[in-house]
């Protein structure tokens, strides 16, 4: 199924964003419509996860992948969708903490099945506590 032609897609991008970012110009013609639709839906559209939280997740993820393009994008998008400086700091500290535990658990080669069993016990205990 063929998508819209490049001119129509770029016109919509410009109307939505005020310009056609250079990286969109490098996407092959036959993929541009598809990529733009995904971008609109996931980055700009309201989905099950509110935009502010999606962008905080993206910021946390890319602070670890060390992609400076994505880190900058998600930082600015998080602010655009209403994230406070405090929320941004919390998301980044959460990522730092979570990544640290991952390094530790993988580094000591913690038994996965035992870990999963203990997690079930913790869930049951917390559920029983109310």
N, C-alpha and C. Protein backbone atom coordinates (compact mmCIF):
# COMPACT_ATOMS: atom_id res chain seq x y z
N UNK A 1 0.84 -1.18 0.00
CA UNK A 1 0.00 0.00 0.00
C UNK A 1 0.89 1.24 0.00
N UNK A 2 0.77 2.04 -0.99
CA UNK A 2 1.60 3.23 -1.13
C UNK A 2 1.10 4.34 -0.21
N UNK A 3 2.04 5.08 0.37
CA UNK A 3 1.70 6.21 1.22
C UNK A 3 1.54 7.47 0.39
N UNK A 4 1.30 8.56 1.07
CA UNK A 4 1.19 9.86 0.40
C UNK A 4 2.54 10.26 -0.19
N UNK A 5 2.51 11.13 -1.15
CA UNK A 5 3.77 11.56 -1.76
C UNK A 5 4.53 12.47 -0.80
N UNK A 6 5.81 12.59 -1.03
CA UNK A 6 6.72 13.33 -0.16
C UNK A 6 6.24 14.77 0.06
N UNK A 7 5.80 15.42 -0.98
CA UNK A 7 5.36 16.82 -0.86
C UNK A 7 4.19 16.97 0.12
N UNK A 8 3.23 16.07 0.03
CA UNK A 8 2.07 16.14 0.94
C UNK A 8 2.49 15.90 2.38
N UNK A 9 3.37 14.93 2.58
CA UNK A 9 3.83 14.62 3.94
C UNK A 9 4.64 15.79 4.50
N UNK A 10 5.57 16.31 3.71
CA UNK A 10 6.38 17.42 4.18
C UNK A 10 5.54 18.66 4.46
N UNK A 11 4.50 18.86 3.68
CA UNK A 11 3.59 19.98 3.94
C UNK A 11 2.91 19.82 5.30
N UNK A 12 2.50 18.61 5.61
CA UNK A 12 1.87 18.35 6.92
C UNK A 12 2.88 18.50 8.06
N UNK A 13 4.09 18.02 7.84
CA UNK A 13 5.13 18.18 8.86
C UNK A 13 5.35 19.66 9.14
N UNK A 14 5.48 20.46 8.08
CA UNK A 14 5.73 21.89 8.24
C UNK A 14 4.56 22.57 8.95
N UNK A 15 3.35 22.20 8.61
CA UNK A 15 2.19 22.78 9.28
C UNK A 15 2.16 22.40 10.76
N UNK A 16 2.59 21.21 11.09
CA UNK A 16 2.57 20.72 12.47
C UNK A 16 3.72 21.28 13.29
N UNK A 17 4.92 21.31 12.73
CA UNK A 17 6.12 21.66 13.49
C UNK A 17 6.69 23.05 13.17
N UNK A 18 6.20 23.68 12.11
CA UNK A 18 6.73 24.98 11.72
C UNK A 18 7.86 24.90 10.71
N UNK A 19 8.42 23.71 10.55
CA UNK A 19 9.46 23.46 9.56
C UNK A 19 9.56 21.95 9.39
N UNK A 20 10.29 21.55 8.37
CA UNK A 20 10.57 20.13 8.17
C UNK A 20 11.98 19.89 8.68
N UNK A 21 12.11 19.24 9.86
CA UNK A 21 13.46 18.99 10.37
C UNK A 21 14.30 18.22 9.36
N UNK A 22 15.58 18.54 9.32
CA UNK A 22 16.49 17.96 8.33
C UNK A 22 16.46 16.44 8.34
N UNK A 23 16.38 15.83 9.53
CA UNK A 23 16.43 14.37 9.58
C UNK A 23 15.26 13.73 8.84
N UNK A 24 14.12 14.42 8.75
CA UNK A 24 13.01 13.87 7.96
C UNK A 24 13.34 13.88 6.48
N UNK A 25 14.14 14.84 6.03
CA UNK A 25 14.47 14.92 4.61
C UNK A 25 15.35 13.76 4.16
N UNK A 26 15.97 13.07 5.11
CA UNK A 26 16.87 11.96 4.77
C UNK A 26 16.14 10.61 4.75
N UNK A 27 14.89 10.60 5.18
CA UNK A 27 14.11 9.35 5.17
C UNK A 27 13.70 9.07 3.73
N UNK A 28 13.89 7.85 3.24
CA UNK A 28 13.51 7.53 1.86
C UNK A 28 12.03 7.82 1.59
N UNK A 29 11.73 8.20 0.36
CA UNK A 29 10.37 8.57 -0.03
C UNK A 29 9.33 7.53 0.37
N UNK A 30 9.65 6.26 0.14
CA UNK A 30 8.65 5.21 0.39
C UNK A 30 8.41 4.94 1.87
N UNK A 31 9.24 5.51 2.75
CA UNK A 31 9.08 5.30 4.20
C UNK A 31 8.62 6.56 4.94
N UNK A 32 8.71 7.71 4.29
CA UNK A 32 8.45 8.97 4.99
C UNK A 32 7.05 9.04 5.58
N UNK A 33 6.03 8.72 4.82
CA UNK A 33 4.65 8.81 5.32
C UNK A 33 4.49 7.92 6.56
N UNK A 34 5.00 6.71 6.49
CA UNK A 34 4.90 5.77 7.61
C UNK A 34 5.63 6.31 8.84
N UNK A 35 6.85 6.79 8.67
CA UNK A 35 7.64 7.30 9.79
C UNK A 35 6.99 8.54 10.41
N UNK A 36 6.45 9.42 9.58
CA UNK A 36 5.77 10.61 10.09
C UNK A 36 4.52 10.22 10.88
N UNK A 37 3.76 9.27 10.39
CA UNK A 37 2.56 8.84 11.12
C UNK A 37 2.93 8.26 12.48
N UNK A 38 4.01 7.46 12.54
CA UNK A 38 4.46 6.93 13.83
C UNK A 38 4.91 8.06 14.76
N UNK A 39 5.68 8.99 14.22
CA UNK A 39 6.16 10.12 15.00
C UNK A 39 4.99 10.92 15.57
N UNK A 40 4.03 11.23 14.72
CA UNK A 40 2.85 12.00 15.17
C UNK A 40 2.10 11.27 16.28
N UNK A 41 1.89 9.98 16.08
CA UNK A 41 1.13 9.21 17.05
C UNK A 41 1.88 9.06 18.37
N UNK A 42 3.14 8.63 18.30
CA UNK A 42 3.88 8.29 19.52
C UNK A 42 4.49 9.51 20.21
N UNK A 43 4.98 10.47 19.45
CA UNK A 43 5.66 11.62 20.05
C UNK A 43 4.73 12.79 20.32
N UNK A 44 3.75 12.99 19.48
CA UNK A 44 2.90 14.17 19.61
C UNK A 44 1.49 13.86 20.07
N UNK A 45 1.01 12.66 19.76
CA UNK A 45 -0.37 12.31 20.05
C UNK A 45 -0.56 11.84 21.48
N UNK A 46 -1.80 11.96 21.95
CA UNK A 46 -2.16 11.41 23.25
C UNK A 46 -2.35 9.91 23.09
N UNK A 47 -1.63 9.16 23.85
CA UNK A 47 -1.76 7.71 23.86
C UNK A 47 -2.14 7.29 25.28
N UNK A 48 -2.07 6.02 25.58
CA UNK A 48 -2.41 5.56 26.92
C UNK A 48 -1.50 6.18 27.98
N UNK A 49 -0.25 6.44 27.63
CA UNK A 49 0.68 7.10 28.53
C UNK A 49 0.67 8.59 28.18
N UNK A 50 0.33 9.44 29.13
CA UNK A 50 0.32 10.89 28.83
C UNK A 50 1.68 11.35 28.32
N UNK A 51 1.64 12.35 27.43
CA UNK A 51 2.85 12.82 26.76
C UNK A 51 3.97 13.20 27.72
N UNK A 52 3.65 13.89 28.80
CA UNK A 52 4.70 14.29 29.74
C UNK A 52 5.45 13.07 30.25
N UNK A 53 4.73 12.01 30.57
CA UNK A 53 5.37 10.81 31.11
C UNK A 53 6.13 10.05 30.03
N UNK A 54 5.61 10.03 28.80
CA UNK A 54 6.36 9.40 27.71
C UNK A 54 7.70 10.10 27.52
N UNK A 55 7.68 11.42 27.58
CA UNK A 55 8.92 12.16 27.36
C UNK A 55 9.89 11.99 28.52
N UNK A 56 9.39 11.89 29.75
CA UNK A 56 10.27 11.61 30.88
C UNK A 56 10.89 10.22 30.75
N UNK A 57 10.10 9.26 30.27
CA UNK A 57 10.64 7.92 30.02
C UNK A 57 11.72 8.01 28.94
N UNK A 58 11.41 8.71 27.84
CA UNK A 58 12.39 8.86 26.77
C UNK A 58 13.67 9.52 27.25
N UNK A 59 13.54 10.53 28.11
CA UNK A 59 14.71 11.21 28.65
C UNK A 59 15.54 10.25 29.50
N UNK A 60 14.87 9.46 30.33
CA UNK A 60 15.59 8.50 31.18
C UNK A 60 16.28 7.44 30.33
N UNK A 61 15.59 6.92 29.33
CA UNK A 61 16.17 5.89 28.46
C UNK A 61 17.41 6.44 27.74
N UNK A 62 17.29 7.62 27.18
CA UNK A 62 18.39 8.13 26.35
C UNK A 62 19.51 8.77 27.15
N UNK A 63 19.25 9.03 28.43
CA UNK A 63 20.38 9.42 29.26
C UNK A 63 21.31 8.22 29.42
N UNK A 64 20.76 7.03 29.32
CA UNK A 64 21.58 5.81 29.39
C UNK A 64 22.16 5.43 28.03
N UNK A 65 21.37 5.55 26.96
CA UNK A 65 21.91 5.19 25.64
C UNK A 65 22.94 6.22 25.19
N UNK A 66 22.94 7.36 25.84
CA UNK A 66 23.89 8.44 25.58
C UNK A 66 23.73 9.04 24.19
N UNK A 67 22.49 8.97 23.69
CA UNK A 67 22.20 9.62 22.41
C UNK A 67 21.88 11.09 22.70
N UNK A 68 22.80 11.96 22.33
CA UNK A 68 22.59 13.37 22.66
C UNK A 68 21.44 14.00 21.88
N UNK A 69 21.15 13.48 20.69
CA UNK A 69 20.01 13.98 19.92
C UNK A 69 18.70 13.66 20.65
N UNK A 70 18.57 12.40 21.05
CA UNK A 70 17.34 11.96 21.72
C UNK A 70 17.22 12.58 23.10
N UNK A 71 18.34 12.70 23.81
CA UNK A 71 18.30 13.32 25.13
C UNK A 71 17.81 14.76 25.02
N UNK A 72 18.35 15.51 24.07
CA UNK A 72 17.91 16.89 23.87
C UNK A 72 16.44 16.93 23.46
N UNK A 73 16.05 16.10 22.52
CA UNK A 73 14.65 16.09 22.07
C UNK A 73 13.70 15.82 23.23
N UNK A 74 13.98 14.75 23.98
CA UNK A 74 13.05 14.36 25.05
C UNK A 74 13.08 15.35 26.21
N UNK A 75 14.21 15.99 26.47
CA UNK A 75 14.28 17.03 27.49
C UNK A 75 13.35 18.19 27.13
N UNK A 76 13.49 18.66 25.90
CA UNK A 76 12.67 19.80 25.47
C UNK A 76 11.20 19.41 25.33
N UNK A 77 10.93 18.22 24.84
CA UNK A 77 9.54 17.77 24.71
C UNK A 77 8.90 17.60 26.09
N UNK A 78 9.65 17.07 27.04
CA UNK A 78 9.11 16.91 28.40
C UNK A 78 8.71 18.28 28.95
N UNK A 79 9.56 19.28 28.77
CA UNK A 79 9.24 20.63 29.22
C UNK A 79 8.01 21.16 28.48
N UNK A 80 7.96 20.93 27.17
CA UNK A 80 6.84 21.40 26.37
C UNK A 80 5.53 20.79 26.86
N UNK A 81 5.57 19.55 27.31
CA UNK A 81 4.37 18.88 27.79
C UNK A 81 4.16 19.07 29.29
N UNK A 82 4.90 20.01 29.89
CA UNK A 82 4.60 20.42 31.26
C UNK A 82 5.45 19.82 32.36
N UNK A 83 6.50 19.08 32.03
CA UNK A 83 7.35 18.51 33.07
C UNK A 83 8.12 19.64 33.76
N UNK A 84 8.16 19.58 35.08
CA UNK A 84 8.92 20.56 35.84
C UNK A 84 10.38 20.13 35.92
N UNK A 85 11.23 21.06 36.31
CA UNK A 85 12.64 20.72 36.50
C UNK A 85 12.79 19.63 37.55
N UNK A 86 11.95 19.66 38.57
CA UNK A 86 12.00 18.65 39.63
C UNK A 86 11.62 17.27 39.09
N UNK A 87 10.61 17.21 38.23
CA UNK A 87 10.21 15.93 37.63
C UNK A 87 11.31 15.40 36.71
N UNK A 88 11.95 16.28 35.97
CA UNK A 88 13.04 15.87 35.10
C UNK A 88 14.19 15.32 35.93
N UNK A 89 14.53 16.00 37.01
CA UNK A 89 15.59 15.51 37.89
C UNK A 89 15.22 14.15 38.49
N UNK A 90 13.97 13.99 38.90
CA UNK A 90 13.55 12.71 39.47
C UNK A 90 13.64 11.58 38.45
N UNK A 91 13.21 11.85 37.22
CA UNK A 91 13.29 10.82 36.16
C UNK A 91 14.73 10.41 35.92
N UNK A 92 15.64 11.37 35.90
CA UNK A 92 17.05 11.07 35.66
C UNK A 92 17.67 10.34 36.84
N UNK A 93 17.31 10.72 38.05
CA UNK A 93 17.82 10.00 39.22
C UNK A 93 17.25 8.59 39.30
N UNK A 94 15.99 8.44 38.90
CA UNK A 94 15.39 7.10 38.87
C UNK A 94 16.15 6.22 37.87
N UNK A 95 16.44 6.78 36.69
CA UNK A 95 17.20 6.02 35.68
C UNK A 95 18.56 5.64 36.21
N UNK A 96 19.25 6.58 36.86
CA UNK A 96 20.57 6.30 37.42
C UNK A 96 20.50 5.18 38.44
N UNK A 97 19.52 5.22 39.30
CA UNK A 97 19.36 4.20 40.33
C UNK A 97 19.04 2.83 39.72
N UNK A 98 18.11 2.82 38.77
CA UNK A 98 17.70 1.57 38.14
C UNK A 98 18.85 0.94 37.35
N UNK A 99 19.59 1.76 36.63
CA UNK A 99 20.73 1.27 35.85
C UNK A 99 21.81 0.71 36.78
N UNK A 100 21.99 1.36 37.93
CA UNK A 100 22.96 0.88 38.90
C UNK A 100 22.61 -0.50 39.42
N UNK A 101 21.33 -0.71 39.76
CA UNK A 101 20.90 -2.04 40.22
C UNK A 101 21.07 -3.08 39.13
N UNK A 102 20.79 -2.69 37.89
CA UNK A 102 20.96 -3.62 36.78
C UNK A 102 22.43 -4.05 36.66
N UNK A 103 23.33 -3.07 36.73
CA UNK A 103 24.76 -3.40 36.65
C UNK A 103 25.16 -4.33 37.78
N UNK A 104 24.67 -4.06 38.98
CA UNK A 104 25.03 -4.88 40.14
C UNK A 104 24.48 -6.29 40.01
N UNK A 105 23.18 -6.42 39.74
CA UNK A 105 22.56 -7.75 39.65
C UNK A 105 23.17 -8.60 38.54
N UNK A 106 23.42 -7.98 37.40
CA UNK A 106 24.04 -8.70 36.30
C UNK A 106 25.50 -9.01 36.59
N UNK A 107 26.18 -8.08 37.25
CA UNK A 107 27.59 -8.27 37.57
C UNK A 107 27.82 -9.41 38.55
N UNK A 108 26.93 -9.55 39.53
CA UNK A 108 27.09 -10.65 40.50
C UNK A 108 26.43 -11.93 40.01
N UNK A 109 25.81 -11.85 38.83
CA UNK A 109 25.13 -13.00 38.21
C UNK A 109 24.10 -13.61 39.16
N UNK A 110 23.28 -12.72 39.74
CA UNK A 110 22.21 -13.15 40.64
C UNK A 110 21.35 -14.20 39.95
N UNK A 111 20.97 -15.23 40.69
CA UNK A 111 20.13 -16.29 40.15
C UNK A 111 18.77 -15.70 39.74
N UNK A 112 18.45 -15.77 38.46
CA UNK A 112 17.22 -15.15 37.95
C UNK A 112 15.97 -15.81 38.51
N UNK A 113 15.93 -17.12 38.52
CA UNK A 113 14.74 -17.81 39.02
C UNK A 113 14.51 -17.52 40.50
N UNK A 114 15.58 -17.49 41.27
CA UNK A 114 15.45 -17.14 42.69
C UNK A 114 14.98 -15.71 42.86
N UNK A 115 15.49 -14.82 42.03
CA UNK A 115 15.07 -13.42 42.05
C UNK A 115 13.59 -13.32 41.76
N UNK A 116 13.13 -14.05 40.74
CA UNK A 116 11.71 -14.02 40.37
C UNK A 116 10.84 -14.56 41.50
N UNK A 117 11.28 -15.63 42.15
CA UNK A 117 10.52 -16.20 43.27
C UNK A 117 10.44 -15.21 44.44
N UNK A 118 11.55 -14.56 44.75
CA UNK A 118 11.53 -13.58 45.83
C UNK A 118 10.63 -12.40 45.50
N UNK A 119 10.62 -12.00 44.25
CA UNK A 119 9.75 -10.91 43.83
C UNK A 119 8.29 -11.28 44.02
N UNK A 120 7.92 -12.51 43.69
CA UNK A 120 6.55 -12.98 43.92
C UNK A 120 6.21 -12.93 45.41
N UNK A 121 7.13 -13.34 46.25
CA UNK A 121 6.90 -13.31 47.70
C UNK A 121 6.71 -11.87 48.19
N UNK A 122 7.51 -10.96 47.67
CA UNK A 122 7.38 -9.55 48.04
C UNK A 122 6.02 -9.01 47.60
N UNK A 123 5.62 -9.32 46.36
CA UNK A 123 4.32 -8.86 45.87
C UNK A 123 3.19 -9.39 46.75
N UNK A 124 3.24 -10.68 47.08
CA UNK A 124 2.20 -11.27 47.93
C UNK A 124 2.17 -10.61 49.31
N UNK A 125 3.34 -10.37 49.87
CA UNK A 125 3.42 -9.76 51.19
C UNK A 125 2.83 -8.34 51.17
N UNK A 126 3.23 -7.55 50.17
CA UNK A 126 2.73 -6.18 50.07
C UNK A 126 1.24 -6.13 49.78
N UNK A 127 0.75 -7.06 48.96
CA UNK A 127 -0.69 -7.12 48.67
C UNK A 127 -1.47 -7.46 49.94
N UNK A 128 -0.94 -8.37 50.76
CA UNK A 128 -1.61 -8.76 52.00
C UNK A 128 -1.64 -7.61 53.01
N UNK A 129 -0.59 -6.76 52.96
CA UNK A 129 -0.53 -5.62 53.88
C UNK A 129 -1.55 -4.55 53.52
N UNK A 130 -1.99 -4.57 52.25
CA UNK A 130 -2.99 -3.60 51.80
C UNK A 130 -2.35 -2.42 51.22
